């Protein structure tokens, strides 16, 4: 028989495109609906690896993307919010959570995806409220997912009559390593494990491939999906790289284990399929889900060992900064608000140390231009935002308790200190962005401009350092020194602006360089203001 290969190829690629778009569109709608709660769940509830597994499952089901979950996880590891062991648990859970899509695909909804597309489009076009827009995305994406599958399945119907294709499936059965390779490569190319499983379900449903040929491809898909985490870890901290490596190793080990017990696993899937009279697509879903659940059960007791292996494989200084809270014990809020305030102060001091280090790292980046300082600065700034939120929430709860007059003053002071320290983080992040702009656009500062910035930077760092020391020791003399430093910074700002105008008039610097220069000066001056605010709070307490 004559086969129209062009029609088959176009229909398959079109169906694959619709499928990939629908998965992403639906996932985006789910993510928008959940907003920042998913990141908060990952951050707050992954207290141990088992909780990490559970949260990984839930988050991945919610956003329909294990890749998104692993990328968020790698980001949280890089920012210091998750440990490597916690991250491995989340990744294991994400592998299980992503299988839900295969089960959805396994449901035979007939042609009901057409009205789903209509309903989704109606919500998108006729309702402007964000909630309805998000629901419209989810419904339309859900319908599009099945439309894509229908197109791909239709394109495959005539292939099974080809002798060459039958020979290929036999070859895959005899050489399962080739199937693993194909599953890995296809997933790498389309950047979606769900798409690989969907195609595999279509092939199996059309009897184009047997279960013994399909399972190695399924195992390879689990390896291929790890590329997203690997890419997300590039340029991140060593901890993030280890988390990505753990994801790869976890799935590779699982594949090796299941290839060793390949025959019993096939028999298990066939037994389940016969027991519940499952359709072909659902059989692949069962295999996919079983693989990931059993793989998690087998390896979760060895999370510590897995972490040790990737640490050995990726040696290096653990530059991760612990930005989680250490002293905010909720039990003191009711029993002893005064002690709770003391605990909050300890956390504020930690926050101040992070702010000081962030400013110092930004200074080093300006002087050396070495990109190694950038991740540290960003991690510290993200940590300051997190600590700001946690400390503020803690202090709000403390404020609901009866406080003495002195404790009320301490409470107010700590709140203002937190705000000032967080703003220091915002300003050194602004400076970092200005420096990156300068480097990316090859904007050069004159030698005198660089020396001016180094001098002002040094004053700002000294002011922040002494303000944190004053906060720690309640030292009146240190607080007074900060006030004097801030006056010097203000005077320097005026002088540097005048010198900048003189350089412009003498054509010694460009307009772009001038913008970068004056904005850095402005941010440093604001850092001095926040440092003196902290000092003033100490002077107020002592008075």
Protein backbone atom coordinates (compact mmCIF):
# COMPACT_ATOMS: atom_id res chain seq x y z
CA UNK A 1 0.00 0.00 0.00
CA UNK A 2 1.04 3.60 -0.60
CA UNK A 3 1.54 5.71 2.50
CA UNK A 4 1.39 9.48 2.44
CA UNK A 5 4.39 10.16 4.67
CA UNK A 6 4.01 13.90 4.40
CA UNK A 7 0.46 13.77 5.71
CA UNK A 8 1.48 11.42 8.53
CA UNK A 9 4.42 13.61 9.53
CA UNK A 10 2.47 16.86 9.37
CA UNK A 11 -0.45 15.42 11.31
CA UNK A 12 1.82 13.92 13.97
CA UNK A 13 3.87 17.11 14.39
CA UNK A 14 0.71 19.21 14.45
CA UNK A 15 -0.80 16.95 17.09
CA UNK A 16 2.42 17.04 19.10
CA UNK A 17 2.45 20.83 18.89
CA UNK A 18 -1.15 21.08 20.07
CA UNK A 19 -0.39 18.62 22.88
CA UNK A 20 2.71 20.51 24.07
CA UNK A 21 0.96 23.87 23.88
CA UNK A 22 -2.05 22.53 25.78
CA UNK A 23 0.09 21.04 28.55
CA UNK A 24 1.93 24.33 28.98
CA UNK A 25 -1.25 26.41 28.69
CA UNK A 26 -3.04 24.29 31.28
CA UNK A 27 0.02 24.31 33.57
CA UNK A 28 0.31 28.10 33.32
CA UNK A 29 -3.34 28.43 34.30
CA UNK A 30 -2.84 26.15 37.28
CA UNK A 31 0.28 28.03 38.36
CA UNK A 32 -1.46 31.39 38.12
CA UNK A 33 -4.34 30.03 40.17
CA UNK A 34 -1.96 28.86 42.86
CA UNK A 35 0.08 32.08 42.68
CA UNK A 36 3.02 32.07 45.13
CA UNK A 37 1.45 29.44 47.38
CA UNK A 38 3.33 26.61 45.65
CA UNK A 39 6.72 28.10 46.46
CA UNK A 40 5.50 28.75 49.99
CA UNK A 41 4.43 25.10 50.37
CA UNK A 42 7.81 23.91 49.17
CA UNK A 43 9.56 26.30 51.51
CA UNK A 44 7.42 25.76 54.60
CA UNK A 45 6.31 22.14 54.62
CA UNK A 46 9.39 20.23 53.47
CA UNK A 47 10.62 19.78 57.03
CA UNK A 48 11.92 16.28 56.28
CA UNK A 49 12.41 14.12 53.18
CA UNK A 50 9.08 12.29 53.55
CA UNK A 51 7.21 15.58 53.79
CA UNK A 52 9.24 16.69 50.80
CA UNK A 53 7.95 13.71 48.82
CA UNK A 54 4.36 14.53 49.76
CA UNK A 55 4.70 18.22 48.92
CA UNK A 56 6.46 17.34 45.66
CA UNK A 57 3.51 15.14 44.68
CA UNK A 58 0.91 17.78 45.56
CA UNK A 59 2.70 20.69 43.91
CA UNK A 60 3.33 18.74 40.71
CA UNK A 61 -0.29 17.62 40.51
CA UNK A 62 -1.35 21.24 40.98
CA UNK A 63 0.84 22.65 38.22
CA UNK A 64 0.99 19.56 35.99
CA UNK A 65 4.72 19.88 35.49
CA UNK A 66 7.46 17.98 37.27
CA UNK A 67 9.95 20.19 35.43
CA UNK A 68 8.45 23.32 36.99
CA UNK A 69 8.53 21.71 40.43
CA UNK A 70 12.17 20.69 40.07
CA UNK A 71 13.14 24.14 38.75
CA UNK A 72 11.46 25.79 41.75
CA UNK A 73 13.16 23.28 44.04
CA UNK A 74 16.58 23.93 42.54
CA UNK A 75 15.94 27.65 42.97
CA UNK A 76 15.02 27.20 46.63
CA UNK A 77 18.13 25.08 47.21
CA UNK A 78 20.24 27.73 45.52
CA UNK A 79 18.65 30.41 47.72
CA UNK A 80 19.30 28.39 50.86
CA UNK A 81 15.65 27.70 51.72
CA UNK A 82 15.91 23.92 51.23
CA UNK A 83 18.62 21.46 52.16
CA UNK A 84 19.85 18.90 49.66
CA UNK A 85 18.07 16.07 51.49
CA UNK A 86 14.79 17.99 51.47
CA UNK A 87 15.21 18.76 47.78
CA UNK A 88 15.76 15.10 46.90
CA UNK A 89 12.49 14.26 48.65
CA UNK A 90 10.64 16.91 46.65
CA UNK A 91 12.15 15.61 43.40
CA UNK A 92 11.04 12.07 44.22
CA UNK A 93 7.54 13.38 44.85
CA UNK A 94 7.57 15.38 41.62
CA UNK A 95 8.29 12.20 39.68
CA UNK A 96 5.15 10.65 41.14
CA UNK A 97 3.01 13.76 40.76
CA UNK A 98 3.71 14.07 37.05
CA UNK A 99 2.19 10.64 36.39
CA UNK A 100 -1.30 12.02 37.05
CA UNK A 101 -1.37 13.41 33.50
CA UNK A 102 -0.82 9.93 32.09
CA UNK A 103 -3.83 8.71 34.09
CA UNK A 104 -5.90 11.61 32.76
CA UNK A 105 -4.87 10.70 29.21
CA UNK A 106 -5.79 7.10 29.97
CA UNK A 107 -9.42 8.11 30.49
CA UNK A 108 -11.43 7.68 27.31
CA UNK A 109 -13.47 10.88 27.05
CA UNK A 110 -14.42 10.29 23.42
CA UNK A 111 -14.99 13.54 21.57
CA UNK A 112 -15.97 15.50 24.66
CA UNK A 113 -12.75 17.46 24.32
CA UNK A 114 -14.49 19.59 21.68
CA UNK A 115 -16.99 21.12 24.14
CA UNK A 116 -14.14 21.52 26.63
CA UNK A 117 -12.30 23.63 24.06
CA UNK A 118 -15.44 25.68 23.49
CA UNK A 119 -16.02 26.22 27.22
CA UNK A 120 -12.39 27.17 27.78
CA UNK A 121 -12.42 29.61 24.87
CA UNK A 122 -15.66 31.12 26.13
CA UNK A 123 -14.18 31.74 29.56
CA UNK A 124 -11.06 33.27 28.03
CA UNK A 125 -12.84 35.60 25.62
CA UNK A 126 -16.00 36.61 27.45
CA UNK A 127 -14.84 36.92 31.06
CA UNK A 128 -12.21 39.42 32.15
CA UNK A 129 -11.91 38.42 35.80
CA UNK A 130 -8.54 36.77 36.46
CA UNK A 131 -10.10 33.74 38.17
CA UNK A 132 -12.25 32.92 35.13
CA UNK A 133 -9.30 33.53 32.82
CA UNK A 134 -7.23 31.00 34.76
CA UNK A 135 -10.05 28.45 34.74
CA UNK A 136 -10.46 29.06 31.02
CA UNK A 137 -6.78 28.31 30.49
CA UNK A 138 -7.06 25.08 32.46
CA UNK A 139 -10.21 23.87 30.65
CA UNK A 140 -8.97 24.87 27.19
CA UNK A 141 -5.59 23.27 27.84
CA UNK A 142 -7.29 20.10 29.07
CA UNK A 143 -9.37 19.87 25.90
CA UNK A 144 -6.40 20.69 23.70
CA UNK A 145 -4.41 17.90 25.33
CA UNK A 146 -6.91 15.32 24.06
CA UNK A 147 -7.18 17.00 20.66
CA UNK A 148 -3.42 16.69 20.27
CA UNK A 149 -3.57 13.03 21.25
CA UNK A 150 -6.36 12.41 18.76
CA UNK A 151 -4.33 13.98 15.95
CA UNK A 152 -1.23 11.97 16.84
CA UNK A 153 -3.20 8.73 17.10
CA UNK A 154 -4.86 9.34 13.74
CA UNK A 155 -1.47 9.86 12.12
CA UNK A 156 -0.24 6.50 13.43
CA UNK A 157 -3.10 4.31 12.26
CA UNK A 158 -1.61 3.33 8.91
CA UNK A 159 1.94 2.76 10.17
CA UNK A 160 1.31 -0.62 11.80
CA UNK A 161 0.93 -2.22 8.37
CA UNK A 162 4.56 -1.49 7.50
CA UNK A 163 6.94 -4.43 7.75
CA UNK A 164 9.82 -2.09 8.63
CA UNK A 165 7.95 -0.71 11.61
CA UNK A 166 7.15 -4.21 12.83
CA UNK A 167 10.84 -5.03 12.52
CA UNK A 168 11.73 -1.92 14.54
CA UNK A 169 9.40 -2.88 17.39
CA UNK A 170 10.94 -6.35 17.49
CA UNK A 171 14.38 -4.76 17.61
CA UNK A 172 13.29 -2.56 20.52
CA UNK A 173 12.05 -5.62 22.35
CA UNK A 174 15.36 -7.42 21.84
CA UNK A 175 17.49 -4.34 22.58
CA UNK A 176 15.80 -2.45 25.45
CA UNK A 177 18.80 -0.12 25.78
CA UNK A 178 17.79 1.41 22.45
CA UNK A 179 14.33 2.06 23.86
CA UNK A 180 15.82 3.78 26.90
CA UNK A 181 17.96 5.90 24.58
CA UNK A 182 14.98 6.84 22.40
CA UNK A 183 12.87 7.78 25.41
CA UNK A 184 15.67 9.91 26.83
CA UNK A 185 16.43 11.71 23.57
CA UNK A 186 12.80 12.36 22.65
CA UNK A 187 12.12 13.84 26.09
CA UNK A 188 15.24 15.97 25.83
CA UNK A 189 14.06 17.30 22.47
CA UNK A 190 10.45 18.10 23.37
CA UNK A 191 11.29 19.14 26.97
CA UNK A 192 8.21 17.33 28.23
CA UNK A 193 8.03 13.91 29.83
CA UNK A 194 4.25 14.09 29.55
CA UNK A 195 4.52 14.41 25.77
CA UNK A 196 6.71 11.32 25.59
CA UNK A 197 4.26 9.33 27.69
CA UNK A 198 1.35 10.64 25.61
CA UNK A 199 3.00 9.55 22.36
CA UNK A 200 3.84 6.19 23.91
CA UNK A 201 0.24 5.74 25.02
CA UNK A 202 -0.89 6.46 21.47
CA UNK A 203 1.55 3.96 19.97
CA UNK A 204 0.51 1.29 22.44
CA UNK A 205 -3.19 2.00 21.97
CA UNK A 206 -2.80 1.57 18.21
CA UNK A 207 -0.95 -1.73 18.80
CA UNK A 208 2.13 -0.30 17.12
CA UNK A 209 4.35 -1.29 20.01
CA UNK A 210 4.26 -3.99 22.67
CA UNK A 211 4.52 -3.51 26.42
CA UNK A 212 8.00 -5.02 26.47
CA UNK A 213 9.12 -2.41 23.92
CA UNK A 214 7.21 0.47 25.52
CA UNK A 215 8.56 0.16 29.06
CA UNK A 216 12.24 0.87 28.24
CA UNK A 217 11.10 4.03 26.42
CA UNK A 218 9.12 4.92 29.53
CA UNK A 219 12.22 4.45 31.69
CA UNK A 220 14.23 6.62 29.30
CA UNK A 221 11.60 9.35 29.54
CA UNK A 222 12.26 9.58 33.28
CA UNK A 223 15.94 10.15 32.59
CA UNK A 224 15.30 12.69 29.84
CA UNK A 225 13.06 14.85 32.01
CA UNK A 226 15.98 15.59 34.34
CA UNK A 227 17.55 17.93 31.78
CA UNK A 228 15.33 20.80 32.96
CA UNK A 229 16.74 20.64 36.48
CA UNK A 230 20.26 20.38 35.09
CA UNK A 231 19.77 23.50 32.97
CA UNK A 232 18.21 25.35 35.92
CA UNK A 233 21.25 24.56 38.06
CA UNK A 234 23.78 25.99 35.62
CA UNK A 235 25.31 29.09 37.13
CA UNK A 236 23.65 28.39 40.47
CA UNK A 237 25.25 27.31 43.74
CA UNK A 238 26.99 23.97 44.22
CA UNK A 239 23.99 22.84 46.27
CA UNK A 240 21.68 23.48 43.31
CA UNK A 241 23.98 21.51 41.02
CA UNK A 242 23.94 18.65 43.52
CA UNK A 243 20.13 18.71 43.63
CA UNK A 244 20.00 18.45 39.83
CA UNK A 245 22.59 15.66 39.88
CA UNK A 246 20.53 13.82 42.49
CA UNK A 247 17.53 14.03 40.16
CA UNK A 248 19.53 12.44 37.35
CA UNK A 249 21.06 9.78 39.58
CA UNK A 250 17.71 8.92 41.17
CA UNK A 251 16.11 8.19 37.80
CA UNK A 252 19.15 6.38 36.39
CA UNK A 253 19.32 4.11 39.45
CA UNK A 254 15.58 3.47 39.14
CA UNK A 255 15.97 2.52 35.49
CA UNK A 256 18.80 0.11 36.29
CA UNK A 257 16.77 -1.53 39.07
CA UNK A 258 13.69 -1.97 36.91
CA UNK A 259 15.68 -3.30 33.98
CA UNK A 260 17.10 -5.95 36.31
CA UNK A 261 13.55 -6.88 37.36
CA UNK A 262 12.09 -6.20 33.93
CA UNK A 263 10.13 -9.43 33.50
CA UNK A 264 8.46 -9.34 36.95
CA UNK A 265 7.52 -5.69 36.36
CA UNK A 266 5.88 -6.52 33.01
CA UNK A 267 3.98 -9.34 34.69
CA UNK A 268 2.84 -6.97 37.43
CA UNK A 269 1.53 -4.42 34.91
CA UNK A 270 -0.23 -7.15 32.93
CA UNK A 271 -1.79 -8.56 36.11
CA UNK A 272 -3.12 -5.13 37.15
CA UNK A 273 -4.41 -4.54 33.62
CA UNK A 274 -6.28 -7.85 33.52
CA UNK A 275 -7.59 -7.44 37.05
CA UNK A 276 -9.19 -4.06 36.30
CA UNK A 277 -9.78 -4.59 32.56
CA UNK A 278 -7.71 -1.54 31.70
CA UNK A 279 -7.55 -0.01 28.25
CA UNK A 280 -4.11 0.25 26.59
CA UNK A 281 -3.53 3.92 27.42
CA UNK A 282 -4.35 3.29 31.07
CA UNK A 283 -1.94 0.33 31.11
CA UNK A 284 0.91 2.66 30.19
CA UNK A 285 -0.28 5.08 32.88
CA UNK A 286 -0.22 2.26 35.44
CA UNK A 287 3.30 1.31 34.36
CA UNK A 288 4.41 4.95 34.57
CA UNK A 289 2.88 5.47 38.00
CA UNK A 290 4.09 2.14 39.37
CA UNK A 291 7.65 2.77 38.22
CA UNK A 292 7.85 6.11 39.99
CA UNK A 293 6.07 5.00 43.17
CA UNK A 294 8.18 1.86 43.54
CA UNK A 295 11.33 3.77 42.69
CA UNK A 296 10.55 6.26 45.45
CA UNK A 297 9.78 3.51 47.98
CA UNK A 298 13.04 1.74 47.14
CA UNK A 299 15.26 4.81 47.30
CA UNK A 300 13.68 7.09 49.92
CA UNK A 301 15.44 5.28 52.82
CA UNK A 302 18.73 6.06 51.09
CA UNK A 303 18.25 9.79 50.57
CA UNK A 304 21.20 10.47 52.86
CA UNK A 305 23.37 8.13 50.81
CA UNK A 306 22.20 9.71 47.57
CA UNK A 307 23.07 13.14 48.94
CA UNK A 308 26.50 11.86 49.97
CA UNK A 309 27.15 10.42 46.51
CA UNK A 310 26.32 13.64 44.64
CA UNK A 311 28.36 15.61 47.16
CA UNK A 312 31.29 13.32 46.39
CA UNK A 313 30.69 13.62 42.65
CA UNK A 314 30.44 17.42 42.86
CA UNK A 315 32.98 18.48 45.47
CA UNK A 316 33.47 22.08 46.39
CA UNK A 317 32.93 24.59 49.12
CA UNK A 318 29.35 24.64 50.31
CA UNK A 319 28.77 28.31 49.65
CA UNK A 320 25.10 28.09 50.43
CA UNK A 321 23.88 30.62 52.96
CA UNK A 322 21.39 29.54 55.56
CA UNK A 323 18.59 32.09 55.33
CA UNK A 324 16.00 30.14 57.27
CA UNK A 325 14.93 31.43 60.67
CA UNK A 326 16.67 29.98 63.73
CA UNK A 327 15.27 31.78 66.76
CA UNK A 328 11.56 32.45 66.15
CA UNK A 329 10.01 30.01 68.59
CA UNK A 330 6.19 30.44 68.57
CA UNK A 331 5.87 28.93 72.06
CA UNK A 332 7.35 32.09 73.61
CA UNK A 333 4.71 34.37 72.09
CA UNK A 334 2.03 33.35 74.57
CA UNK A 335 4.18 32.27 77.50
CA UNK A 336 6.71 35.12 77.51
CA UNK A 337 6.43 37.94 74.96
CA UNK A 338 9.58 39.54 76.37
CA UNK A 339 11.61 36.43 75.53
CA UNK A 340 9.92 36.32 72.12
CA UNK A 341 11.16 39.85 71.47
CA UNK A 342 14.65 38.73 72.44
CA UNK A 343 14.38 35.86 69.98
CA UNK A 344 13.21 38.27 67.29
CA UNK A 345 16.19 40.52 67.98
CA UNK A 346 18.57 37.60 67.43
CA UNK A 347 16.94 36.99 64.07
CA UNK A 348 17.15 40.69 63.18
CA UNK A 349 20.88 40.58 63.93
CA UNK A 350 21.26 37.58 61.60
CA UNK A 351 19.37 39.56 59.00
CA UNK A 352 21.75 42.47 59.51
CA UNK A 353 24.76 40.19 59.02
CA UNK A 354 23.30 38.98 55.73
CA UNK A 355 22.71 42.56 54.62
CA UNK A 356 26.30 43.48 55.45
CA UNK A 357 27.66 40.50 53.58
CA UNK A 358 25.45 41.25 50.58
CA UNK A 359 26.79 44.79 50.45
CA UNK A 360 30.37 43.52 50.73
CA UNK A 361 29.83 40.97 47.95
CA UNK A 362 28.37 43.70 45.72
CA UNK A 363 31.44 45.82 46.45
CA UNK A 364 33.72 42.93 45.51
CA UNK A 365 31.84 42.47 42.25
CA UNK A 366 32.29 46.14 41.44
CA UNK A 367 36.03 45.98 42.13
CA UNK A 368 36.82 42.67 40.46
CA UNK A 369 34.04 42.12 37.92
CA UNK A 370 34.07 38.42 38.87
CA UNK A 371 30.65 36.86 38.27
CA UNK A 372 31.16 34.44 41.17
CA UNK A 373 29.83 37.14 43.51
CA UNK A 374 26.50 37.56 41.68
CA UNK A 375 24.71 34.38 42.91
CA UNK A 376 25.75 35.16 46.49
CA UNK A 377 24.35 38.69 46.28
CA UNK A 378 21.06 37.47 44.82
CA UNK A 379 20.80 34.68 47.37
CA UNK A 380 21.40 37.09 50.23
CA UNK A 381 18.83 39.55 48.92
CA UNK A 382 16.24 36.80 48.53
CA UNK A 383 17.09 35.66 52.04
CA UNK A 384 16.56 39.17 53.40
CA UNK A 385 13.10 39.27 51.82
CA UNK A 386 12.27 35.92 53.39
CA UNK A 387 13.57 36.91 56.83
CA UNK A 388 11.72 40.22 56.59
CA UNK A 389 8.45 38.37 56.05
CA UNK A 390 9.07 35.78 58.77
CA UNK A 391 10.26 38.24 61.42
CA UNK A 392 7.48 40.71 60.67
CA UNK A 393 4.83 37.98 60.94
CA UNK A 394 6.36 36.85 64.22
CA UNK A 395 6.38 40.38 65.62
CA UNK A 396 2.78 40.91 64.53
CA UNK A 397 1.79 37.85 66.57
CA UNK A 398 3.78 39.18 69.53
CA UNK A 399 1.96 42.51 69.29
CA UNK A 400 -1.33 40.74 70.03
CA UNK A 401 -0.06 39.93 73.51
CA UNK A 402 -0.09 42.41 76.42
CA UNK A 403 3.28 44.19 76.39
CA UNK A 404 4.91 46.47 78.91
CA UNK A 405 5.76 49.99 77.82
CA UNK A 406 9.43 49.07 77.44
CA UNK A 407 8.57 45.97 75.42
CA UNK A 408 6.25 48.01 73.20
CA UNK A 409 9.18 50.31 72.40
CA UNK A 410 11.42 47.31 71.69
CA UNK A 411 8.72 45.83 69.47
CA UNK A 412 8.35 49.02 67.43
CA UNK A 413 12.13 49.38 67.16
CA UNK A 414 12.58 45.84 65.86
CA UNK A 415 9.90 46.36 63.23
CA UNK A 416 11.61 49.51 61.96
CA UNK A 417 15.00 47.77 62.07
CA UNK A 418 13.69 44.94 59.93
CA UNK A 419 12.32 47.38 57.39
CA UNK A 420 15.59 49.30 57.19
CA UNK A 421 17.71 46.17 56.82
CA UNK A 422 15.45 44.82 54.09
CA UNK A 423 15.75 48.12 52.24
CA UNK A 424 19.54 47.87 52.40
CA UNK A 425 19.14 44.59 50.52
CA UNK A 426 16.98 46.27 47.89
CA UNK A 427 19.62 48.95 47.36
CA UNK A 428 22.59 46.61 46.98
CA UNK A 429 20.50 44.58 44.54
CA UNK A 430 19.87 47.79 42.60
CA UNK A 431 23.61 48.44 42.55
CA UNK A 432 24.27 44.89 41.33
CA UNK A 433 21.82 45.39 38.47
CA UNK A 434 23.51 48.67 37.54
CA UNK A 435 26.92 46.99 37.52
CA UNK A 436 25.58 44.13 35.40
CA UNK A 437 24.09 46.65 32.99
CA UNK A 438 27.48 48.35 32.81
CA UNK A 439 29.25 45.09 32.04
CA UNK A 440 26.69 43.77 29.56
CA UNK A 441 26.62 47.03 27.60
CA UNK A 442 30.37 47.57 27.88
CA UNK A 443 29.95 50.89 29.66
CA UNK A 444 33.25 52.01 31.15
CA UNK A 445 33.74 54.26 34.15
CA UNK A 446 36.71 56.58 34.35
CA UNK A 447 39.46 55.79 36.82
CA UNK A 448 38.51 58.73 39.03
CA UNK A 449 34.83 57.68 39.00
CA UNK A 450 35.78 54.16 40.10
CA UNK A 451 37.93 55.52 42.92
CA UNK A 452 35.08 57.77 44.05
CA UNK A 453 32.67 54.83 44.16
CA UNK A 454 35.17 52.68 46.06
CA UNK A 455 35.50 55.42 48.67
CA UNK A 456 31.76 55.87 49.07
CA UNK A 457 31.19 52.11 49.10
CA UNK A 458 33.71 51.76 51.93
CA UNK A 459 31.91 54.38 53.99
CA UNK A 460 28.53 52.72 53.40
CA UNK A 461 29.87 49.30 54.42
CA UNK A 462 31.41 50.76 57.56
CA UNK A 463 28.15 52.51 58.43
CA UNK A 464 26.13 49.31 58.05
CA UNK A 465 28.68 47.27 60.01
CA UNK A 466 28.69 49.68 62.94
CA UNK A 467 24.90 50.04 62.91
CA UNK A 468 24.50 46.27 63.26
CA UNK A 469 27.13 46.20 66.03
CA UNK A 470 25.32 49.04 67.76
CA UNK A 471 22.04 47.13 67.50
CA UNK A 472 23.69 44.06 68.99
CA UNK A 473 25.38 45.83 71.89
CA UNK A 474 23.06 48.85 72.29
CA UNK A 475 26.24 50.94 72.14
CA UNK A 476 25.61 54.67 72.21
CA UNK A 477 29.13 55.44 70.98
CA UNK A 478 28.83 53.13 67.98
CA UNK A 479 25.45 54.59 67.12
CA UNK A 480 26.98 58.07 67.25
CA UNK A 481 29.78 56.95 64.93
CA UNK A 482 27.18 55.77 62.42
CA UNK A 483 25.56 59.20 62.54
CA UNK A 484 28.91 60.80 61.76
CA UNK A 485 29.56 58.34 58.93
CA UNK A 486 26.17 59.10 57.43
CA UNK A 487 27.02 62.81 57.42
CA UNK A 488 30.23 62.00 55.56
CA UNK A 489 28.25 59.93 53.04
CA UNK A 490 25.82 62.81 52.46
CA UNK A 491 28.69 65.24 51.94
CA UNK A 492 30.42 62.80 49.62
CA UNK A 493 27.25 62.42 47.54
CA UNK A 494 27.18 66.18 46.88
CA UNK A 495 30.88 66.25 46.01
CA UNK A 496 30.67 63.23 43.72
CA UNK A 497 27.74 64.70 41.81
CA UNK A 498 29.71 67.90 41.29
CA UNK A 499 32.75 65.93 40.11
CA UNK A 500 30.51 63.97 37.76
CA UNK A 501 29.20 67.18 36.18
CA UNK A 502 32.78 68.37 35.75
CA UNK A 503 33.72 65.11 33.98
CA UNK A 504 30.72 65.42 31.70
CA UNK A 505 31.69 68.97 30.77
CA UNK A 506 35.22 67.77 30.06
CA UNK A 507 33.91 64.85 27.94
CA UNK A 508 35.65 62.39 30.24
CA UNK A 509 32.66 60.06 30.53
CA UNK A 510 29.63 59.02 28.48
CA UNK A 511 25.99 59.62 29.26
CA UNK A 512 25.41 55.92 29.95
CA UNK A 513 28.35 55.82 32.35
CA UNK A 514 26.99 58.92 34.06
CA UNK A 515 23.61 57.30 34.66
CA UNK A 516 25.21 54.19 36.17
CA UNK A 517 27.53 56.30 38.30
CA UNK A 518 24.90 58.65 39.72
CA UNK A 519 22.44 55.83 40.39
CA UNK A 520 25.07 53.87 42.33
CA UNK A 521 25.91 57.00 44.33
CA UNK A 522 22.21 57.52 45.06
CA UNK A 523 21.76 53.93 46.24
CA UNK A 524 24.82 54.14 48.49
CA UNK A 525 23.48 57.34 50.02
CA UNK A 526 20.17 55.61 50.73
CA UNK A 527 22.03 52.71 52.36
CA UNK A 528 23.68 55.27 54.64
CA UNK A 529 20.23 56.64 55.51
CA UNK A 530 18.98 53.20 56.52
CA UNK A 531 22.10 52.56 58.57
CA UNK A 532 21.57 55.79 60.48
CA UNK A 533 17.91 54.88 61.02
CA UNK A 534 19.10 51.76 62.83
CA UNK A 535 21.56 53.86 64.84
CA UNK A 536 18.86 56.39 65.71
CA UNK A 537 16.68 53.59 67.06
CA UNK A 538 19.53 52.69 69.43
CA UNK A 539 19.97 56.28 70.50
CA UNK A 540 16.24 56.49 71.12
CA UNK A 541 16.31 53.41 73.33
CA UNK A 542 19.26 54.67 75.34
CA UNK A 543 17.61 58.03 75.85
